[in-house]
N, C-alpha and C. Protein backbone atom coordinates (compact mmCIF):
# COMPACT_ATOMS: atom_id res chain seq x y z
N UNK A 1 -60.99 -30.09 -5.53
CA UNK A 1 -60.98 -28.84 -6.26
C UNK A 1 -61.21 -27.70 -5.28
N UNK A 2 -60.38 -26.67 -5.31
CA UNK A 2 -60.45 -25.53 -4.40
C UNK A 2 -61.57 -24.60 -4.83
N UNK A 3 -62.56 -24.34 -3.97
CA UNK A 3 -63.68 -23.50 -4.31
C UNK A 3 -63.45 -22.06 -3.87
N UNK A 4 -62.34 -21.78 -3.19
CA UNK A 4 -62.03 -20.42 -2.77
C UNK A 4 -61.30 -19.71 -3.89
N UNK A 5 -61.88 -18.63 -4.39
CA UNK A 5 -61.27 -17.86 -5.46
C UNK A 5 -60.54 -16.68 -4.83
N UNK A 6 -59.27 -16.58 -5.16
CA UNK A 6 -58.50 -15.47 -4.60
C UNK A 6 -58.77 -14.20 -5.38
N UNK A 7 -58.51 -13.10 -4.74
CA UNK A 7 -58.68 -11.80 -5.38
C UNK A 7 -57.78 -11.70 -6.62
N UNK A 8 -56.56 -12.18 -6.51
CA UNK A 8 -55.61 -12.15 -7.63
C UNK A 8 -56.17 -12.91 -8.83
N UNK A 9 -56.72 -14.11 -8.59
CA UNK A 9 -57.27 -14.91 -9.67
C UNK A 9 -58.47 -14.20 -10.31
N UNK A 10 -59.35 -13.65 -9.53
CA UNK A 10 -60.54 -12.96 -10.05
C UNK A 10 -60.13 -11.75 -10.90
N UNK A 11 -59.14 -10.98 -10.43
CA UNK A 11 -58.68 -9.82 -11.19
C UNK A 11 -57.99 -10.25 -12.48
N UNK A 12 -57.26 -11.34 -12.46
CA UNK A 12 -56.60 -11.84 -13.67
C UNK A 12 -57.64 -12.23 -14.73
N UNK A 13 -58.66 -12.93 -14.32
CA UNK A 13 -59.72 -13.34 -15.24
C UNK A 13 -60.45 -12.12 -15.80
N UNK A 14 -60.73 -11.15 -14.96
CA UNK A 14 -61.41 -9.93 -15.41
C UNK A 14 -60.55 -9.15 -16.39
N UNK A 15 -59.25 -9.09 -16.14
CA UNK A 15 -58.34 -8.37 -17.04
C UNK A 15 -58.27 -9.04 -18.40
N UNK A 16 -58.20 -10.37 -18.42
CA UNK A 16 -58.18 -11.10 -19.69
C UNK A 16 -59.48 -10.91 -20.47
N UNK A 17 -60.59 -10.94 -19.78
CA UNK A 17 -61.88 -10.74 -20.43
C UNK A 17 -61.96 -9.32 -21.01
N UNK A 18 -61.51 -8.34 -20.26
CA UNK A 18 -61.51 -6.95 -20.74
C UNK A 18 -60.62 -6.77 -21.95
N UNK A 19 -59.47 -7.42 -21.95
CA UNK A 19 -58.56 -7.32 -23.09
C UNK A 19 -59.20 -7.93 -24.33
N UNK A 20 -59.89 -9.02 -24.17
CA UNK A 20 -60.57 -9.65 -25.30
C UNK A 20 -61.65 -8.76 -25.89
N UNK A 21 -62.41 -8.11 -25.03
CA UNK A 21 -63.45 -7.18 -25.49
C UNK A 21 -62.81 -6.00 -26.23
N UNK A 22 -61.71 -5.48 -25.71
CA UNK A 22 -61.03 -4.35 -26.34
C UNK A 22 -60.51 -4.72 -27.73
N UNK A 23 -59.93 -5.89 -27.87
CA UNK A 23 -59.43 -6.34 -29.17
C UNK A 23 -60.59 -6.50 -30.14
N UNK A 24 -61.68 -7.08 -29.71
CA UNK A 24 -62.84 -7.26 -30.58
C UNK A 24 -63.41 -5.92 -31.01
N UNK A 25 -63.47 -4.95 -30.12
CA UNK A 25 -64.00 -3.63 -30.46
C UNK A 25 -63.12 -2.91 -31.46
N UNK A 26 -61.82 -3.08 -31.38
CA UNK A 26 -60.90 -2.40 -32.29
C UNK A 26 -60.89 -3.01 -33.68
N UNK A 27 -61.30 -4.26 -33.80
CA UNK A 27 -61.23 -4.92 -35.10
C UNK A 27 -62.31 -4.42 -36.04
N UNK A 28 -63.39 -3.90 -35.56
CA UNK A 28 -64.45 -3.36 -36.41
C UNK A 28 -65.22 -4.47 -37.09
N UNK A 29 -66.35 -4.10 -37.65
CA UNK A 29 -67.18 -5.05 -38.38
C UNK A 29 -67.35 -4.54 -39.79
N UNK A 30 -66.27 -4.49 -40.52
CA UNK A 30 -66.26 -3.89 -41.87
C UNK A 30 -67.17 -4.61 -42.84
N UNK A 31 -67.48 -3.94 -43.94
CA UNK A 31 -68.28 -4.47 -45.02
C UNK A 31 -67.47 -5.56 -45.73
N UNK A 32 -68.04 -6.75 -45.85
CA UNK A 32 -67.29 -7.85 -46.43
C UNK A 32 -67.01 -7.65 -47.92
N UNK A 33 -67.71 -6.71 -48.58
CA UNK A 33 -67.45 -6.48 -49.99
C UNK A 33 -66.37 -5.44 -50.21
N UNK A 34 -66.00 -4.70 -49.18
CA UNK A 34 -64.97 -3.67 -49.32
C UNK A 34 -63.74 -4.13 -48.56
N UNK A 35 -62.70 -4.46 -49.29
CA UNK A 35 -61.49 -4.97 -48.67
C UNK A 35 -60.32 -4.04 -48.94
N UNK A 36 -59.35 -4.01 -48.03
CA UNK A 36 -58.16 -3.22 -48.30
C UNK A 36 -57.47 -3.68 -49.57
N UNK A 37 -56.77 -2.74 -50.20
CA UNK A 37 -56.05 -3.06 -51.43
C UNK A 37 -54.97 -4.09 -51.15
N UNK A 38 -54.80 -5.06 -52.04
CA UNK A 38 -53.74 -6.04 -51.83
C UNK A 38 -52.37 -5.39 -51.92
N UNK A 39 -51.44 -5.88 -51.14
CA UNK A 39 -50.08 -5.35 -51.18
C UNK A 39 -49.48 -5.59 -52.55
N UNK A 40 -48.75 -4.59 -53.03
CA UNK A 40 -48.07 -4.74 -54.30
C UNK A 40 -48.95 -4.47 -55.52
N UNK A 41 -50.21 -4.01 -55.33
CA UNK A 41 -51.03 -3.72 -56.49
C UNK A 41 -50.49 -2.48 -57.18
N UNK A 42 -50.59 -2.45 -58.48
CA UNK A 42 -50.03 -1.34 -59.23
C UNK A 42 -51.00 -0.88 -60.30
N UNK A 43 -50.78 0.33 -60.79
CA UNK A 43 -51.61 0.89 -61.84
C UNK A 43 -51.29 0.23 -63.17
N UNK A 44 -52.25 0.28 -64.11
CA UNK A 44 -51.99 -0.27 -65.43
C UNK A 44 -50.83 0.48 -66.10
N UNK A 45 -50.27 -0.11 -67.13
CA UNK A 45 -49.13 0.49 -67.84
C UNK A 45 -49.56 1.76 -68.56
N UNK A 46 -48.63 2.70 -68.70
CA UNK A 46 -48.89 3.95 -69.40
C UNK A 46 -49.38 3.66 -70.81
N UNK A 47 -50.34 4.46 -71.26
CA UNK A 47 -50.90 4.27 -72.60
C UNK A 47 -52.02 3.26 -72.65
N UNK A 48 -52.26 2.58 -71.53
CA UNK A 48 -53.32 1.59 -71.48
C UNK A 48 -54.69 2.25 -71.58
N UNK A 49 -55.55 1.73 -72.46
CA UNK A 49 -56.89 2.27 -72.63
C UNK A 49 -57.70 2.07 -71.36
N UNK A 50 -58.40 3.11 -70.94
CA UNK A 50 -59.22 3.03 -69.74
C UNK A 50 -60.71 3.04 -70.05
N UNK A 51 -61.16 4.06 -70.78
CA UNK A 51 -62.57 4.23 -71.07
C UNK A 51 -62.71 5.28 -72.16
N UNK A 52 -63.94 5.66 -72.46
CA UNK A 52 -64.19 6.74 -73.41
C UNK A 52 -64.77 7.93 -72.66
N UNK A 53 -64.67 9.10 -73.26
CA UNK A 53 -65.19 10.31 -72.62
C UNK A 53 -66.70 10.22 -72.41
N UNK A 54 -67.40 9.52 -73.29
CA UNK A 54 -68.85 9.38 -73.17
C UNK A 54 -69.26 8.58 -71.94
N UNK A 55 -68.37 7.73 -71.44
CA UNK A 55 -68.68 6.89 -70.28
C UNK A 55 -68.50 7.61 -68.94
N UNK A 56 -67.93 8.82 -68.97
CA UNK A 56 -67.65 9.55 -67.72
C UNK A 56 -68.59 10.75 -67.64
N UNK A 57 -69.59 10.69 -66.76
CA UNK A 57 -70.55 11.79 -66.70
C UNK A 57 -69.96 13.09 -66.14
N UNK A 58 -70.46 14.22 -66.61
CA UNK A 58 -70.04 15.52 -66.08
C UNK A 58 -70.49 15.58 -64.62
N UNK A 59 -69.56 15.96 -63.73
CA UNK A 59 -69.87 16.02 -62.29
C UNK A 59 -69.80 14.66 -61.63
N UNK A 60 -69.30 13.67 -62.34
CA UNK A 60 -69.23 12.32 -61.80
C UNK A 60 -67.98 11.61 -62.26
N UNK A 61 -68.04 10.30 -62.28
CA UNK A 61 -66.87 9.54 -62.69
C UNK A 61 -67.14 8.05 -62.67
N UNK A 62 -66.09 7.29 -62.99
CA UNK A 62 -66.18 5.83 -63.00
C UNK A 62 -64.94 5.26 -62.31
N UNK A 63 -65.14 4.18 -61.57
CA UNK A 63 -64.04 3.48 -60.91
C UNK A 63 -63.64 2.33 -61.84
N UNK A 64 -62.38 2.36 -62.28
CA UNK A 64 -61.89 1.39 -63.27
C UNK A 64 -60.65 0.68 -62.75
N UNK A 65 -60.83 -0.33 -61.97
CA UNK A 65 -59.68 -1.10 -61.49
C UNK A 65 -58.71 -0.26 -60.68
N UNK A 66 -57.61 0.16 -61.28
CA UNK A 66 -56.57 0.89 -60.55
C UNK A 66 -56.58 2.39 -60.79
N UNK A 67 -57.68 2.92 -61.28
CA UNK A 67 -57.80 4.37 -61.45
C UNK A 67 -59.27 4.77 -61.41
N UNK A 68 -59.53 5.95 -60.85
CA UNK A 68 -60.86 6.55 -60.87
C UNK A 68 -60.77 7.70 -61.86
N UNK A 69 -61.59 7.66 -62.91
CA UNK A 69 -61.61 8.74 -63.91
C UNK A 69 -62.84 9.59 -63.64
N UNK A 70 -62.62 10.90 -63.49
CA UNK A 70 -63.72 11.82 -63.18
C UNK A 70 -63.74 12.96 -64.19
N UNK A 71 -64.91 13.62 -64.26
CA UNK A 71 -65.09 14.79 -65.12
C UNK A 71 -65.76 15.88 -64.27
N UNK A 72 -64.93 16.66 -63.51
CA UNK A 72 -65.51 17.67 -62.62
C UNK A 72 -66.27 18.76 -63.37
N UNK A 73 -65.81 19.12 -64.56
CA UNK A 73 -66.47 20.10 -65.42
C UNK A 73 -66.49 19.54 -66.83
N UNK A 74 -67.40 19.99 -67.64
CA UNK A 74 -67.49 19.50 -69.01
C UNK A 74 -66.15 19.64 -69.73
N UNK A 75 -65.64 18.53 -70.23
CA UNK A 75 -64.39 18.53 -70.99
C UNK A 75 -63.12 18.44 -70.17
N UNK A 76 -63.22 18.44 -68.84
CA UNK A 76 -62.06 18.33 -67.96
C UNK A 76 -62.07 16.95 -67.31
N UNK A 77 -61.04 16.16 -67.60
CA UNK A 77 -60.96 14.81 -67.07
C UNK A 77 -59.73 14.67 -66.17
N UNK A 78 -59.91 13.96 -65.06
CA UNK A 78 -58.81 13.74 -64.11
C UNK A 78 -58.83 12.29 -63.66
N UNK A 79 -57.66 11.81 -63.24
CA UNK A 79 -57.54 10.46 -62.72
C UNK A 79 -57.00 10.48 -61.31
N UNK A 80 -57.54 9.60 -60.46
CA UNK A 80 -57.10 9.48 -59.08
C UNK A 80 -56.93 8.01 -58.72
N UNK A 81 -56.09 7.77 -57.73
CA UNK A 81 -55.94 6.41 -57.20
C UNK A 81 -57.26 5.99 -56.55
N UNK A 82 -57.66 4.73 -56.72
CA UNK A 82 -58.87 4.25 -56.08
C UNK A 82 -58.65 3.74 -54.65
N UNK A 83 -57.43 3.88 -54.14
CA UNK A 83 -57.11 3.37 -52.82
C UNK A 83 -57.28 4.45 -51.78
N UNK A 84 -58.22 4.26 -50.87
CA UNK A 84 -58.49 5.24 -49.82
C UNK A 84 -57.24 5.44 -48.96
N UNK A 85 -56.97 6.69 -48.65
CA UNK A 85 -55.78 7.02 -47.86
C UNK A 85 -55.97 6.76 -46.37
N UNK A 86 -57.15 6.36 -45.96
CA UNK A 86 -57.39 6.06 -44.54
C UNK A 86 -56.83 4.70 -44.16
N UNK A 87 -57.37 3.64 -44.77
CA UNK A 87 -56.90 2.29 -44.43
C UNK A 87 -56.72 1.39 -45.63
N UNK A 88 -56.63 1.98 -46.82
CA UNK A 88 -56.31 1.20 -48.00
C UNK A 88 -57.44 0.47 -48.67
N UNK A 89 -58.69 0.74 -48.30
CA UNK A 89 -59.81 0.12 -49.00
C UNK A 89 -59.97 0.74 -50.38
N UNK A 90 -60.57 0.01 -51.28
CA UNK A 90 -60.85 0.52 -52.62
C UNK A 90 -62.13 1.33 -52.60
N UNK A 91 -62.09 2.52 -53.21
CA UNK A 91 -63.32 3.30 -53.36
C UNK A 91 -64.19 2.54 -54.36
N UNK A 92 -65.50 2.72 -54.25
CA UNK A 92 -66.39 1.92 -55.09
C UNK A 92 -67.33 2.73 -55.96
N UNK A 93 -67.46 4.04 -55.68
CA UNK A 93 -68.41 4.81 -56.46
C UNK A 93 -68.05 6.29 -56.48
N UNK A 94 -68.69 6.98 -57.43
CA UNK A 94 -68.58 8.43 -57.53
C UNK A 94 -70.02 8.94 -57.57
N UNK A 95 -70.37 9.80 -56.61
CA UNK A 95 -71.73 10.33 -56.54
C UNK A 95 -71.70 11.75 -55.98
N UNK A 96 -72.53 12.62 -56.54
CA UNK A 96 -72.65 13.99 -56.06
C UNK A 96 -71.30 14.70 -55.97
N UNK A 97 -70.47 14.55 -57.01
CA UNK A 97 -69.15 15.17 -57.11
C UNK A 97 -68.18 14.69 -56.02
N UNK A 98 -68.43 13.48 -55.50
CA UNK A 98 -67.61 12.90 -54.45
C UNK A 98 -67.19 11.49 -54.83
N UNK A 99 -65.92 11.16 -54.55
CA UNK A 99 -65.44 9.78 -54.68
C UNK A 99 -65.65 9.16 -53.30
N UNK A 100 -66.33 8.03 -53.23
CA UNK A 100 -66.80 7.48 -51.96
C UNK A 100 -66.08 6.17 -51.60
N UNK A 101 -65.56 6.12 -50.36
CA UNK A 101 -64.99 4.89 -49.82
C UNK A 101 -66.03 4.23 -48.93
N UNK A 102 -66.39 2.96 -49.21
CA UNK A 102 -67.43 2.30 -48.44
C UNK A 102 -66.99 1.80 -47.06
N UNK A 103 -65.69 1.69 -46.83
CA UNK A 103 -65.22 1.07 -45.59
C UNK A 103 -65.55 1.89 -44.34
N UNK A 104 -65.21 3.17 -44.36
CA UNK A 104 -65.42 3.99 -43.18
C UNK A 104 -66.05 5.34 -43.51
N UNK A 105 -66.53 5.51 -44.75
CA UNK A 105 -67.29 6.69 -45.11
C UNK A 105 -66.50 7.91 -45.54
N UNK A 106 -65.23 7.76 -45.89
CA UNK A 106 -64.48 8.92 -46.38
C UNK A 106 -65.00 9.33 -47.76
N UNK A 107 -65.00 10.65 -48.01
CA UNK A 107 -65.40 11.20 -49.30
C UNK A 107 -64.29 12.12 -49.79
N UNK A 108 -64.07 12.11 -51.11
CA UNK A 108 -63.02 12.91 -51.73
C UNK A 108 -63.62 13.72 -52.87
N UNK A 109 -63.15 14.94 -53.05
CA UNK A 109 -63.63 15.82 -54.12
C UNK A 109 -63.15 15.33 -55.48
N UNK A 110 -64.05 15.36 -56.48
CA UNK A 110 -63.63 14.97 -57.83
C UNK A 110 -62.80 16.08 -58.47
N UNK A 111 -62.81 17.28 -57.92
CA UNK A 111 -62.05 18.39 -58.50
C UNK A 111 -60.55 18.22 -58.29
N UNK A 112 -60.16 17.74 -57.08
CA UNK A 112 -58.72 17.67 -56.78
C UNK A 112 -58.33 16.49 -55.89
N UNK A 113 -59.27 15.62 -55.57
CA UNK A 113 -58.97 14.46 -54.73
C UNK A 113 -58.89 14.75 -53.25
N UNK A 114 -59.15 16.00 -52.85
CA UNK A 114 -59.05 16.37 -51.44
C UNK A 114 -60.16 15.71 -50.61
N UNK A 115 -59.88 15.54 -49.33
CA UNK A 115 -60.84 14.93 -48.41
C UNK A 115 -61.95 15.95 -48.12
N UNK A 116 -63.20 15.52 -48.33
CA UNK A 116 -64.32 16.39 -47.99
C UNK A 116 -65.01 15.92 -46.70
N UNK A 117 -64.84 14.64 -46.38
CA UNK A 117 -65.26 14.13 -45.06
C UNK A 117 -64.45 12.89 -44.75
N UNK A 118 -64.09 12.77 -43.46
CA UNK A 118 -63.16 11.72 -43.03
C UNK A 118 -63.84 10.45 -42.63
N UNK A 119 -63.02 9.55 -42.14
CA UNK A 119 -61.82 9.70 -41.33
C UNK A 119 -60.51 9.89 -42.09
N UNK A 120 -60.49 9.74 -43.41
CA UNK A 120 -59.24 9.98 -44.15
C UNK A 120 -58.79 11.43 -43.93
N UNK A 121 -57.47 11.65 -43.90
CA UNK A 121 -56.94 12.99 -43.72
C UNK A 121 -56.07 13.44 -44.89
N UNK A 122 -55.72 12.51 -45.78
CA UNK A 122 -54.87 12.83 -46.94
C UNK A 122 -55.67 12.68 -48.22
N UNK A 123 -55.39 13.50 -49.23
CA UNK A 123 -56.12 13.40 -50.50
C UNK A 123 -55.74 12.13 -51.26
N UNK A 124 -56.60 11.79 -52.22
CA UNK A 124 -56.27 10.69 -53.12
C UNK A 124 -55.17 11.15 -54.06
N UNK A 125 -54.14 10.35 -54.28
CA UNK A 125 -53.08 10.73 -55.22
C UNK A 125 -53.64 10.80 -56.65
N UNK A 126 -53.16 11.77 -57.40
CA UNK A 126 -53.58 11.90 -58.80
C UNK A 126 -52.85 10.85 -59.64
N UNK A 127 -53.57 10.31 -60.62
CA UNK A 127 -53.01 9.37 -61.59
C UNK A 127 -53.07 10.08 -62.95
N UNK A 128 -51.93 10.28 -63.60
CA UNK A 128 -51.93 11.00 -64.88
C UNK A 128 -52.69 10.24 -65.96
N UNK A 129 -53.64 10.94 -66.59
CA UNK A 129 -54.39 10.36 -67.70
C UNK A 129 -54.28 11.30 -68.89
N UNK A 130 -54.65 10.77 -70.08
CA UNK A 130 -54.59 11.57 -71.30
C UNK A 130 -55.87 11.33 -72.09
N UNK A 131 -56.43 12.42 -72.62
CA UNK A 131 -57.60 12.32 -73.48
C UNK A 131 -57.12 12.45 -74.92
N UNK A 132 -57.42 11.42 -75.71
CA UNK A 132 -57.03 11.40 -77.12
C UNK A 132 -58.30 11.18 -77.92
N UNK A 133 -58.89 12.27 -78.39
CA UNK A 133 -60.19 12.18 -79.06
C UNK A 133 -61.24 11.78 -78.05
N UNK A 134 -61.90 10.66 -78.29
CA UNK A 134 -62.92 10.17 -77.38
C UNK A 134 -62.37 9.14 -76.38
N UNK A 135 -61.09 8.81 -76.50
CA UNK A 135 -60.49 7.78 -75.64
C UNK A 135 -59.72 8.40 -74.49
N UNK A 136 -59.80 7.75 -73.34
CA UNK A 136 -59.03 8.16 -72.17
C UNK A 136 -58.05 7.03 -71.86
N UNK A 137 -56.76 7.39 -71.76
CA UNK A 137 -55.71 6.41 -71.49
C UNK A 137 -54.85 6.91 -70.35
N UNK A 138 -54.02 6.03 -69.83
CA UNK A 138 -53.03 6.46 -68.85
C UNK A 138 -51.94 7.23 -69.57
N UNK A 139 -51.47 8.29 -68.95
CA UNK A 139 -50.42 9.12 -69.58
C UNK A 139 -49.07 8.47 -69.44
């Protein structure tokens, strides 16, 4: 067995080790409970019952499968996609007038879905909803 290590061999091993570290660093250590949205997921059918107005607090909202229903002001209800525009994770909560993505900390305004803190740069798409008495459905 040759005990003389050439410079070329040493540099090759160092380059491979560095590449492995770089790949591991880029993969991140995401929260195992927050996963990107599955490909091909779609919103419920139009007219599908979502919740009642009593279940959506003023200044807050609820995450309901494929739609986030919020009430930015008393009597004003809006729907947004629950899929974060950064890397496709599902948002999990609404707090302090913000829709929150747990994966990388993006926050979106309940007033219009705009990004209030990143890394996301695009707003959440609006999902048309309809209020019929005390019921909220997809439009």
